[in-house]
Amino acid sequence: MGSKYAVTGTLTDHHTVTLDKALPLPKMKVRLLVEPIESTPQRRYQEVMAEIRAQQQARGHRAPTRQEVDAILRVERQSWGE
C-alpha cells in the first residue's frame, strides 16, 4: 500500500467531497474513510474584534495617528508624479 494522506474536506452532496487542499496524486481510484467533524459555531463580529484588540494591547500595538497616516499618504502621492 502506498502513502496515506490526511486532509479535510466538505461533503457537498451525497457523492461529492471537495478537499481543502490538493493531493499529490494522479487521477486514480482511492479509498476514502469519512469522519464527520463537528462545526464550530460562528463567533460574533464584536467578540472577534474584542479578542484582536486585546491581543494588540497585550503586545503594545499602537495605531498610527491621523497625522502619521496623512504624512504617509502625502509621500506616496508625491511619488506618483515622478
PDB file of N, CA and C in Angstrom:
ATOM      1  N   MET A   1       0.852  -1.183   0.000  1.00  0.00           N
ATOM      2  CA  MET A   1       0.000   0.000   0.000  1.00  0.00           C
ATOM      3  C   MET A   1       0.892   1.239   0.000  1.00  0.00           C
ATOM      4  N   GLY A   2       0.503   2.267  -0.740  1.00  0.00           N
ATOM      5  CA  GLY A   2       1.299   3.481  -0.866  1.00  0.00           C
ATOM      6  C   GLY A   2       1.138   4.418   0.310  1.00  0.00           C
ATOM      7  N   SER A   3       1.536   5.662   0.097  1.00  0.00           N
ATOM      8  CA  SER A   3       1.440   6.680   1.133  1.00  0.00           C
ATOM      9  C   SER A   3      -0.012   6.955   1.494  1.00  0.00           C
ATOM     10  N   LYS A   4      -0.212   7.424   2.722  1.00  0.00           N
ATOM     11  CA  LYS A   4      -1.540   7.825   3.169  1.00  0.00           C
ATOM     12  C   LYS A   4      -1.541   9.324   3.379  1.00  0.00           C
ATOM     13  N   TYR A   5      -2.645   9.964   3.099  1.00  0.00           N
ATOM     14  CA  TYR A   5      -2.780  11.401   3.245  1.00  0.00           C
ATOM     15  C   TYR A   5      -3.992  11.691   4.112  1.00  0.00           C
ATOM     16  N   ALA A   6      -3.847  12.624   5.021  1.00  0.00           N
ATOM     17  CA  ALA A   6      -4.968  13.091   5.834  1.00  0.00           C
ATOM     18  C   ALA A   6      -5.267  14.521   5.411  1.00  0.00           C
ATOM     19  N   VAL A   7      -6.473  14.750   4.960  1.00  0.00           N
ATOM     20  CA  VAL A   7      -6.874  16.076   4.507  1.00  0.00           C
ATOM     21  C   VAL A   7      -8.353  16.248   4.839  1.00  0.00           C
ATOM     22  N   THR A   8      -8.741  17.449   5.187  1.00  0.00           N
ATOM     23  CA  THR A   8     -10.145  17.711   5.459  1.00  0.00           C
ATOM     24  C   THR A   8     -10.841  18.138   4.173  1.00  0.00           C
ATOM     25  N   GLY A   9     -12.142  18.093   4.189  1.00  0.00           N
ATOM     26  CA  GLY A   9     -12.912  18.480   3.029  1.00  0.00           C
ATOM     27  C   GLY A   9     -14.357  18.689   3.426  1.00  0.00           C
ATOM     28  N   THR A  10     -15.171  18.986   2.443  1.00  0.00           N
ATOM     29  CA  THR A  10     -16.589  19.245   2.677  1.00  0.00           C
ATOM     30  C   THR A  10     -17.414  18.325   1.796  1.00  0.00           C
ATOM     31  N   LEU A  11     -18.346  17.639   2.402  1.00  0.00           N
ATOM     32  CA  LEU A  11     -19.282  16.800   1.666  1.00  0.00           C
ATOM     33  C   LEU A  11     -20.328  17.731   1.064  1.00  0.00           C
ATOM     34  N   THR A  12     -20.294  17.897  -0.263  1.00  0.00           N
ATOM     35  CA  THR A  12     -21.173  18.866  -0.911  1.00  0.00           C
ATOM     36  C   THR A  12     -22.496  18.265  -1.367  1.00  0.00           C
ATOM     37  N   ASP A  13     -22.527  16.974  -1.578  1.00  0.00           N
ATOM     38  CA  ASP A  13     -23.780  16.250  -1.806  1.00  0.00           C
ATOM     39  C   ASP A  13     -23.523  14.802  -1.407  1.00  0.00           C
ATOM     40  N   HIS A  14     -24.420  13.902  -1.723  1.00  0.00           N
ATOM     41  CA  HIS A  14     -24.290  12.521  -1.263  1.00  0.00           C
ATOM     42  C   HIS A  14     -23.150  11.759  -1.936  1.00  0.00           C
ATOM     43  N   HIS A  15     -22.543  12.326  -2.977  1.00  0.00           N
ATOM     44  CA  HIS A  15     -21.497  11.629  -3.718  1.00  0.00           C
ATOM     45  C   HIS A  15     -20.210  12.436  -3.900  1.00  0.00           C
ATOM     46  N   THR A  16     -20.176  13.675  -3.451  1.00  0.00           N
ATOM     47  CA  THR A  16     -19.044  14.547  -3.774  1.00  0.00           C
ATOM     48  C   THR A  16     -18.393  15.108  -2.515  1.00  0.00           C
ATOM     49  N   VAL A  17     -17.064  14.970  -2.441  1.00  0.00           N
ATOM     50  CA  VAL A  17     -16.281  15.577  -1.364  1.00  0.00           C
ATOM     51  C   VAL A  17     -15.322  16.565  -2.011  1.00  0.00           C
ATOM     52  N   THR A  18     -15.344  17.814  -1.567  1.00  0.00           N
ATOM     53  CA  THR A  18     -14.405  18.825  -2.043  1.00  0.00           C
ATOM     54  C   THR A  18     -13.305  18.947  -1.005  1.00  0.00           C
ATOM     55  N   LEU A  19     -12.069  18.611  -1.383  1.00  0.00           N
ATOM     56  CA  LEU A  19     -10.954  18.639  -0.450  1.00  0.00           C
ATOM     57  C   LEU A  19     -10.477  20.065  -0.220  1.00  0.00           C
ATOM     58  N   ASP A  20      -9.961  20.327   0.996  1.00  0.00           N
ATOM     59  CA  ASP A  20      -9.459  21.663   1.332  1.00  0.00           C
ATOM     60  C   ASP A  20      -8.105  21.946   0.700  1.00  0.00           C
ATOM     61  N   LYS A  21      -7.380  20.911   0.311  1.00  0.00           N
ATOM     62  CA  LYS A  21      -6.120  21.104  -0.412  1.00  0.00           C
ATOM     63  C   LYS A  21      -5.942  19.941  -1.382  1.00  0.00           C
ATOM     64  N   ALA A  22      -5.172  20.189  -2.413  1.00  0.00           N
ATOM     65  CA  ALA A  22      -4.942  19.170  -3.434  1.00  0.00           C
ATOM     66  C   ALA A  22      -4.009  18.087  -2.911  1.00  0.00           C
ATOM     67  N   LEU A  23      -4.183  16.882  -3.413  1.00  0.00           N
ATOM     68  CA  LEU A  23      -3.295  15.784  -3.063  1.00  0.00           C
ATOM     69  C   LEU A  23      -2.316  15.553  -4.204  1.00  0.00           C
ATOM     70  N   PRO A  24      -1.083  15.151  -3.887  1.00  0.00           N
ATOM     71  CA  PRO A  24      -0.076  14.934  -4.938  1.00  0.00           C
ATOM     72  C   PRO A  24      -0.249  13.568  -5.606  1.00  0.00           C
ATOM     73  N   LEU A  25      -1.424  13.330  -6.162  1.00  0.00           N
ATOM     74  CA  LEU A  25      -1.721  12.041  -6.779  1.00  0.00           C
ATOM     75  C   LEU A  25      -2.331  12.256  -8.161  1.00  0.00           C
ATOM     76  N   PRO A  26      -2.097  11.336  -9.077  1.00  0.00           N
ATOM     77  CA  PRO A  26      -2.778  11.420 -10.370  1.00  0.00           C
ATOM     78  C   PRO A  26      -4.222  10.953 -10.196  1.00  0.00           C
ATOM     79  N   LYS A  27      -5.026  11.084 -11.253  1.00  0.00           N
ATOM     80  CA  LYS A  27      -6.393  10.563 -11.194  1.00  0.00           C
ATOM     81  C   LYS A  27      -6.306   9.057 -11.001  1.00  0.00           C
ATOM     82  N   MET A  28      -6.933   8.566  -9.964  1.00  0.00           N
ATOM     83  CA  MET A  28      -6.913   7.137  -9.664  1.00  0.00           C
ATOM     84  C   MET A  28      -8.009   6.822  -8.663  1.00  0.00           C
ATOM     85  N   LYS A  29      -8.306   5.590  -8.517  1.00  0.00           N
ATOM     86  CA  LYS A  29      -9.284   5.155  -7.532  1.00  0.00           C
ATOM     87  C   LYS A  29      -8.597   5.205  -6.163  1.00  0.00           C
ATOM     88  N   VAL A  30      -9.300   5.736  -5.148  1.00  0.00           N
ATOM     89  CA  VAL A  30      -8.747   5.849  -3.791  1.00  0.00           C
ATOM     90  C   VAL A  30      -9.772   5.343  -2.787  1.00  0.00           C
ATOM     91  N   ARG A  31      -9.298   5.032  -1.606  1.00  0.00           N
ATOM     92  CA  ARG A  31     -10.187   4.661  -0.507  1.00  0.00           C
ATOM     93  C   ARG A  31     -10.384   5.894   0.354  1.00  0.00           C
ATOM     94  N   LEU A  32     -11.611   6.158   0.709  1.00  0.00           N
ATOM     95  CA  LEU A  32     -11.947   7.341   1.489  1.00  0.00           C
ATOM     96  C   LEU A  32     -12.615   6.904   2.786  1.00  0.00           C
ATOM     97  N   LEU A  33     -12.019   7.244   3.914  1.00  0.00           N
ATOM     98  CA  LEU A  33     -12.625   6.995   5.215  1.00  0.00           C
ATOM     99  C   LEU A  33     -13.202   8.322   5.688  1.00  0.00           C
ATOM    100  N   VAL A  34     -14.461   8.346   6.035  1.00  0.00           N
ATOM    101  CA  VAL A  34     -15.133   9.596   6.379  1.00  0.00           C
ATOM    102  C   VAL A  34     -15.351   9.673   7.877  1.00  0.00           C
ATOM    103  N   GLU A  35     -14.872  10.759   8.468  1.00  0.00           N
ATOM    104  CA  GLU A  35     -15.057  11.032   9.893  1.00  0.00           C
ATOM    105  C   GLU A  35     -15.674  12.419  10.011  1.00  0.00           C
ATOM    106  N   PRO A  36     -16.942  12.519  10.374  1.00  0.00           N
ATOM    107  CA  PRO A  36     -17.572  13.837  10.488  1.00  0.00           C
ATOM    108  C   PRO A  36     -16.846  14.710  11.521  1.00  0.00           C
ATOM    109  N   ILE A  37     -16.694  15.973  11.179  1.00  0.00           N
ATOM    110  CA  ILE A  37     -16.085  16.952  12.072  1.00  0.00           C
ATOM    111  C   ILE A  37     -17.183  17.898  12.523  1.00  0.00           C
ATOM    112  N   GLU A  38     -17.328  18.038  13.820  1.00  0.00           N
ATOM    113  CA  GLU A  38     -18.347  18.962  14.309  1.00  0.00           C
ATOM    114  C   GLU A  38     -17.923  20.384  13.989  1.00  0.00           C
ATOM    115  N   SER A  39     -18.845  21.137  13.433  1.00  0.00           N
ATOM    116  CA  SER A  39     -18.515  22.511  13.076  1.00  0.00           C
ATOM    117  C   SER A  39     -18.514  23.379  14.330  1.00  0.00           C
ATOM    118  N   THR A  40     -17.608  24.343  14.320  1.00  0.00           N
ATOM    119  CA  THR A  40     -17.557  25.277  15.438  1.00  0.00           C
ATOM    120  C   THR A  40     -18.548  26.395  15.174  1.00  0.00           C
ATOM    121  N   PRO A  41     -19.262  26.829  16.181  1.00  0.00           N
ATOM    122  CA  PRO A  41     -20.242  27.891  15.954  1.00  0.00           C
ATOM    123  C   PRO A  41     -19.544  29.195  15.550  1.00  0.00           C
ATOM    124  N   GLN A  42     -20.197  29.944  14.694  1.00  0.00           N
ATOM    125  CA  GLN A  42     -19.650  31.231  14.257  1.00  0.00           C
ATOM    126  C   GLN A  42     -19.627  32.214  15.425  1.00  0.00           C
ATOM    127  N   ARG A  43     -18.489  32.880  15.580  1.00  0.00           N
ATOM    128  CA  ARG A  43     -18.396  33.888  16.635  1.00  0.00           C
ATOM    129  C   ARG A  43     -18.901  35.216  16.104  1.00  0.00           C
ATOM    130  N   ARG A  44     -19.433  36.008  16.996  1.00  0.00           N
ATOM    131  CA  ARG A  44     -19.943  37.320  16.611  1.00  0.00           C
ATOM    132  C   ARG A  44     -18.779  38.260  16.296  1.00  0.00           C
ATOM    133  N   TYR A  45     -19.031  39.188  15.404  1.00  0.00           N
ATOM    134  CA  TYR A  45     -18.033  40.167  14.985  1.00  0.00           C
ATOM    135  C   TYR A  45     -17.441  40.894  16.189  1.00  0.00           C
ATOM    136  N   GLN A  46     -18.299  41.303  17.118  1.00  0.00           N
ATOM    137  CA  GLN A  46     -17.836  42.048  18.289  1.00  0.00           C
ATOM    138  C   GLN A  46     -16.875  41.211  19.136  1.00  0.00           C
ATOM    139  N   GLU A  47     -17.136  39.910  19.245  1.00  0.00           N
ATOM    140  CA  GLU A  47     -16.251  39.039  20.026  1.00  0.00           C
ATOM    141  C   GLU A  47     -14.886  38.906  19.368  1.00  0.00           C
ATOM    142  N   VAL A  48     -14.886  38.734  18.052  1.00  0.00           N
ATOM    143  CA  VAL A  48     -13.624  38.601  17.318  1.00  0.00           C
ATOM    144  C   VAL A  48     -12.812  39.888  17.430  1.00  0.00           C
ATOM    145  N   MET A  49     -13.460  41.039  17.225  1.00  0.00           N
ATOM    146  CA  MET A  49     -12.749  42.310  17.300  1.00  0.00           C
ATOM    147  C   MET A  49     -12.225  42.579  18.700  1.00  0.00           C
ATOM    148  N   ALA A  50     -12.987  42.226  19.732  1.00  0.00           N
ATOM    149  CA  ALA A  50     -12.530  42.411  21.111  1.00  0.00           C
ATOM    150  C   ALA A  50     -11.285  41.561  21.376  1.00  0.00           C
ATOM    151  N   GLU A  51     -11.267  40.342  20.846  1.00  0.00           N
ATOM    152  CA  GLU A  51     -10.096  39.472  21.021  1.00  0.00           C
ATOM    153  C   GLU A  51      -8.876  40.041  20.299  1.00  0.00           C
ATOM    154  N   ILE A  52      -9.076  40.518  19.074  1.00  0.00           N
ATOM    155  CA  ILE A  52      -7.969  41.112  18.316  1.00  0.00           C
ATOM    156  C   ILE A  52      -7.417  42.327  19.044  1.00  0.00           C
ATOM    157  N   ARG A  53      -8.291  43.193  19.536  1.00  0.00           N
ATOM    158  CA  ARG A  53      -7.833  44.405  20.237  1.00  0.00           C
ATOM    159  C   ARG A  53      -7.100  44.052  21.531  1.00  0.00           C
ATOM    160  N   ALA A  54      -7.564  43.032  22.242  1.00  0.00           N
ATOM    161  CA  ALA A  54      -6.893  42.608  23.475  1.00  0.00           C
ATOM    162  C   ALA A  54      -5.495  42.085  23.162  1.00  0.00           C
ATOM    163  N   GLN A  55      -5.359  41.319  22.073  1.00  0.00           N
ATOM    164  CA  GLN A  55      -4.040  40.807  21.680  1.00  0.00           C
ATOM    165  C   GLN A  55      -3.118  41.943  21.261  1.00  0.00           C
ATOM    166  N   GLN A  56      -3.656  42.926  20.539  1.00  0.00           N
ATOM    167  CA  GLN A  56      -2.850  44.079  20.141  1.00  0.00           C
ATOM    168  C   GLN A  56      -2.372  44.847  21.364  1.00  0.00           C
ATOM    169  N   GLN A  57      -3.260  45.067  22.305  1.00  0.00           N
ATOM    170  CA  GLN A  57      -2.906  45.806  23.515  1.00  0.00           C
ATOM    171  C   GLN A  57      -1.849  45.045  24.315  1.00  0.00           C
ATOM    172  N   ALA A  58      -1.985  43.724  24.387  1.00  0.00           N
ATOM    173  CA  ALA A  58      -1.041  42.910  25.158  1.00  0.00           C
ATOM    174  C   ALA A  58       0.368  42.988  24.571  1.00  0.00           C
ATOM    175  N   ARG A  59       0.472  43.137  23.247  1.00  0.00           N
ATOM    176  CA  ARG A  59       1.810  43.203  22.636  1.00  0.00           C
ATOM    177  C   ARG A  59       2.277  44.638  22.413  1.00  0.00           C
ATOM    178  N   GLY A  60       1.488  45.607  22.899  1.00  0.00           N
ATOM    179  CA  GLY A  60       1.903  47.006  22.833  1.00  0.00           C
ATOM    180  C   GLY A  60       1.678  47.673  21.499  1.00  0.00           C
ATOM    181  N   HIS A  61       0.763  47.147  20.690  1.00  0.00           N
ATOM    182  CA  HIS A  61       0.476  47.744  19.385  1.00  0.00           C
ATOM    183  C   HIS A  61      -0.084  49.153  19.575  1.00  0.00           C
ATOM    184  N   ARG A  62       0.380  50.072  18.708  1.00  0.00           N
ATOM    185  CA  ARG A  62      -0.129  51.437  18.720  1.00  0.00           C
ATOM    186  C   ARG A  62      -0.536  51.786  17.303  1.00  0.00           C
ATOM    187  N   ALA A  63      -1.786  52.145  17.139  1.00  0.00           N
ATOM    188  CA  ALA A  63      -2.276  52.536  15.816  1.00  0.00           C
ATOM    189  C   ALA A  63      -1.661  53.876  15.432  1.00  0.00           C
ATOM    190  N   PRO A  64      -1.394  54.085  14.134  1.00  0.00           N
ATOM    191  CA  PRO A  64      -0.830  55.367  13.719  1.00  0.00           C
ATOM    192  C   PRO A  64      -1.846  56.494  13.911  1.00  0.00           C
ATOM    193  N   THR A  65      -1.329  57.674  14.194  1.00  0.00           N
ATOM    194  CA  THR A  65      -2.216  58.834  14.347  1.00  0.00           C
ATOM    195  C   THR A  65      -2.682  59.298  12.972  1.00  0.00           C
ATOM    196  N   ARG A  66      -3.671  60.157  12.968  1.00  0.00           N
ATOM    197  CA  ARG A  66      -4.163  60.692  11.692  1.00  0.00           C
ATOM    198  C   ARG A  66      -3.047  61.442  10.977  1.00  0.00           C
ATOM    199  N   GLN A  67      -2.247  62.186  11.737  1.00  0.00           N
ATOM    200  CA  GLN A  67      -1.154  62.947  11.141  1.00  0.00           C
ATOM    201  C   GLN A  67      -0.117  62.009  10.503  1.00  0.00           C
ATOM    202  N   GLU A  68       0.174  60.883  11.149  1.00  0.00           N
ATOM    203  CA  GLU A  68       1.128  59.917  10.582  1.00  0.00           C
ATOM    204  C   GLU A  68       0.588  59.309   9.290  1.00  0.00           C
ATOM    205  N   VAL A  69      -0.679  58.961   9.289  1.00  0.00           N
ATOM    206  CA  VAL A  69      -1.290  58.402   8.077  1.00  0.00           C
ATOM    207  C   VAL A  69      -1.297  59.439   6.960  1.00  0.00           C
ATOM    208  N   ASP A  70      -1.660  60.673   7.281  1.00  0.00           N
ATOM    209  CA  ASP A  70      -1.654  61.739   6.269  1.00  0.00           C
ATOM    210  C   ASP A  70      -0.261  61.932   5.681  1.00  0.00           C
ATOM    211  N   ALA A  71       0.770  61.877   6.525  1.00  0.00           N
ATOM    212  CA  ALA A  71       2.147  62.043   6.052  1.00  0.00           C
ATOM    213  C   ALA A  71       2.543  60.895   5.126  1.00  0.00           C
ATOM    214  N   ILE A  72       2.176  59.673   5.477  1.00  0.00           N
ATOM    215  CA  ILE A  72       2.473  58.512   4.634  1.00  0.00           C
ATOM    216  C   ILE A  72       1.782  58.656   3.283  1.00  0.00           C
ATOM    217  N   LEU A  73       0.514  59.048   3.300  1.00  0.00           N
ATOM    218  CA  LEU A  73      -0.229  59.232   2.051  1.00  0.00           C
ATOM    219  C   LEU A  73       0.362  60.353   1.201  1.00  0.00           C
ATOM    220  N   ARG A  74       0.785  61.438   1.847  1.00  0.00           N
ATOM    221  CA  ARG A  74       1.375  62.563   1.120  1.00  0.00           C
ATOM    222  C   ARG A  74       2.639  62.111   0.383  1.00  0.00           C
ATOM    223  N   VAL A  75       3.496  61.374   1.068  1.00  0.00           N
ATOM    224  CA  VAL A  75       4.734  60.891   0.445  1.00  0.00           C
ATOM    225  C   VAL A  75       4.407  59.939  -0.705  1.00  0.00           C
ATOM    226  N   GLU A  76       3.446  59.042  -0.495  1.00  0.00           N
ATOM    227  CA  GLU A  76       3.066  58.097  -1.545  1.00  0.00           C
ATOM    228  C   GLU A  76       2.531  58.838  -2.764  1.00  0.00           C
ATOM    229  N   ARG A  77       1.655  59.810  -2.559  1.00  0.00           N
ATOM    230  CA  ARG A  77       1.084  60.552  -3.685  1.00  0.00           C
ATOM    231  C   ARG A  77       2.139  61.373  -4.414  1.00  0.00           C
ATOM    232  N   GLN A  78       3.101  61.892  -3.665  1.00  0.00           N
ATOM    233  CA  GLN A  78       4.178  62.663  -4.318  1.00  0.00           C
ATOM    234  C   GLN A  78       5.026  61.755  -5.202  1.00  0.00           C
ATOM    235  N   SER A  79       5.145  60.480  -4.825  1.00  0.00           N
ATOM    236  CA  SER A  79       5.954  59.560  -5.627  1.00  0.00           C
ATOM    237  C   SER A  79       5.300  59.228  -6.960  1.00  0.00           C
ATOM    238  N   TRP A  80       4.001  59.442  -7.080  1.00  0.00           N
ATOM    239  CA  TRP A  80       3.299  59.155  -8.320  1.00  0.00           C
ATOM    240  C   TRP A  80       3.706  60.127  -9.428  1.00  0.00           C
ATOM    241  N   GLY A  81       4.106  61.330  -9.060  1.00  0.00           N
ATOM    242  CA  GLY A  81       4.444  62.341 -10.042  1.00  0.00           C
ATOM    243  C   GLY A  81       5.830  62.175 -10.610  1.00  0.00           C
ATOM    244  N   GLU A  82       6.593  61.287 -10.074  1.00  0.00           N
ATOM    245  CA  GLU A  82       7.990  61.130 -10.532  1.00  0.00           C
ATOM    246  C   GLU A  82       8.090  60.342 -11.801  1.00  0.00           C
TER     247      GLU A  82
END
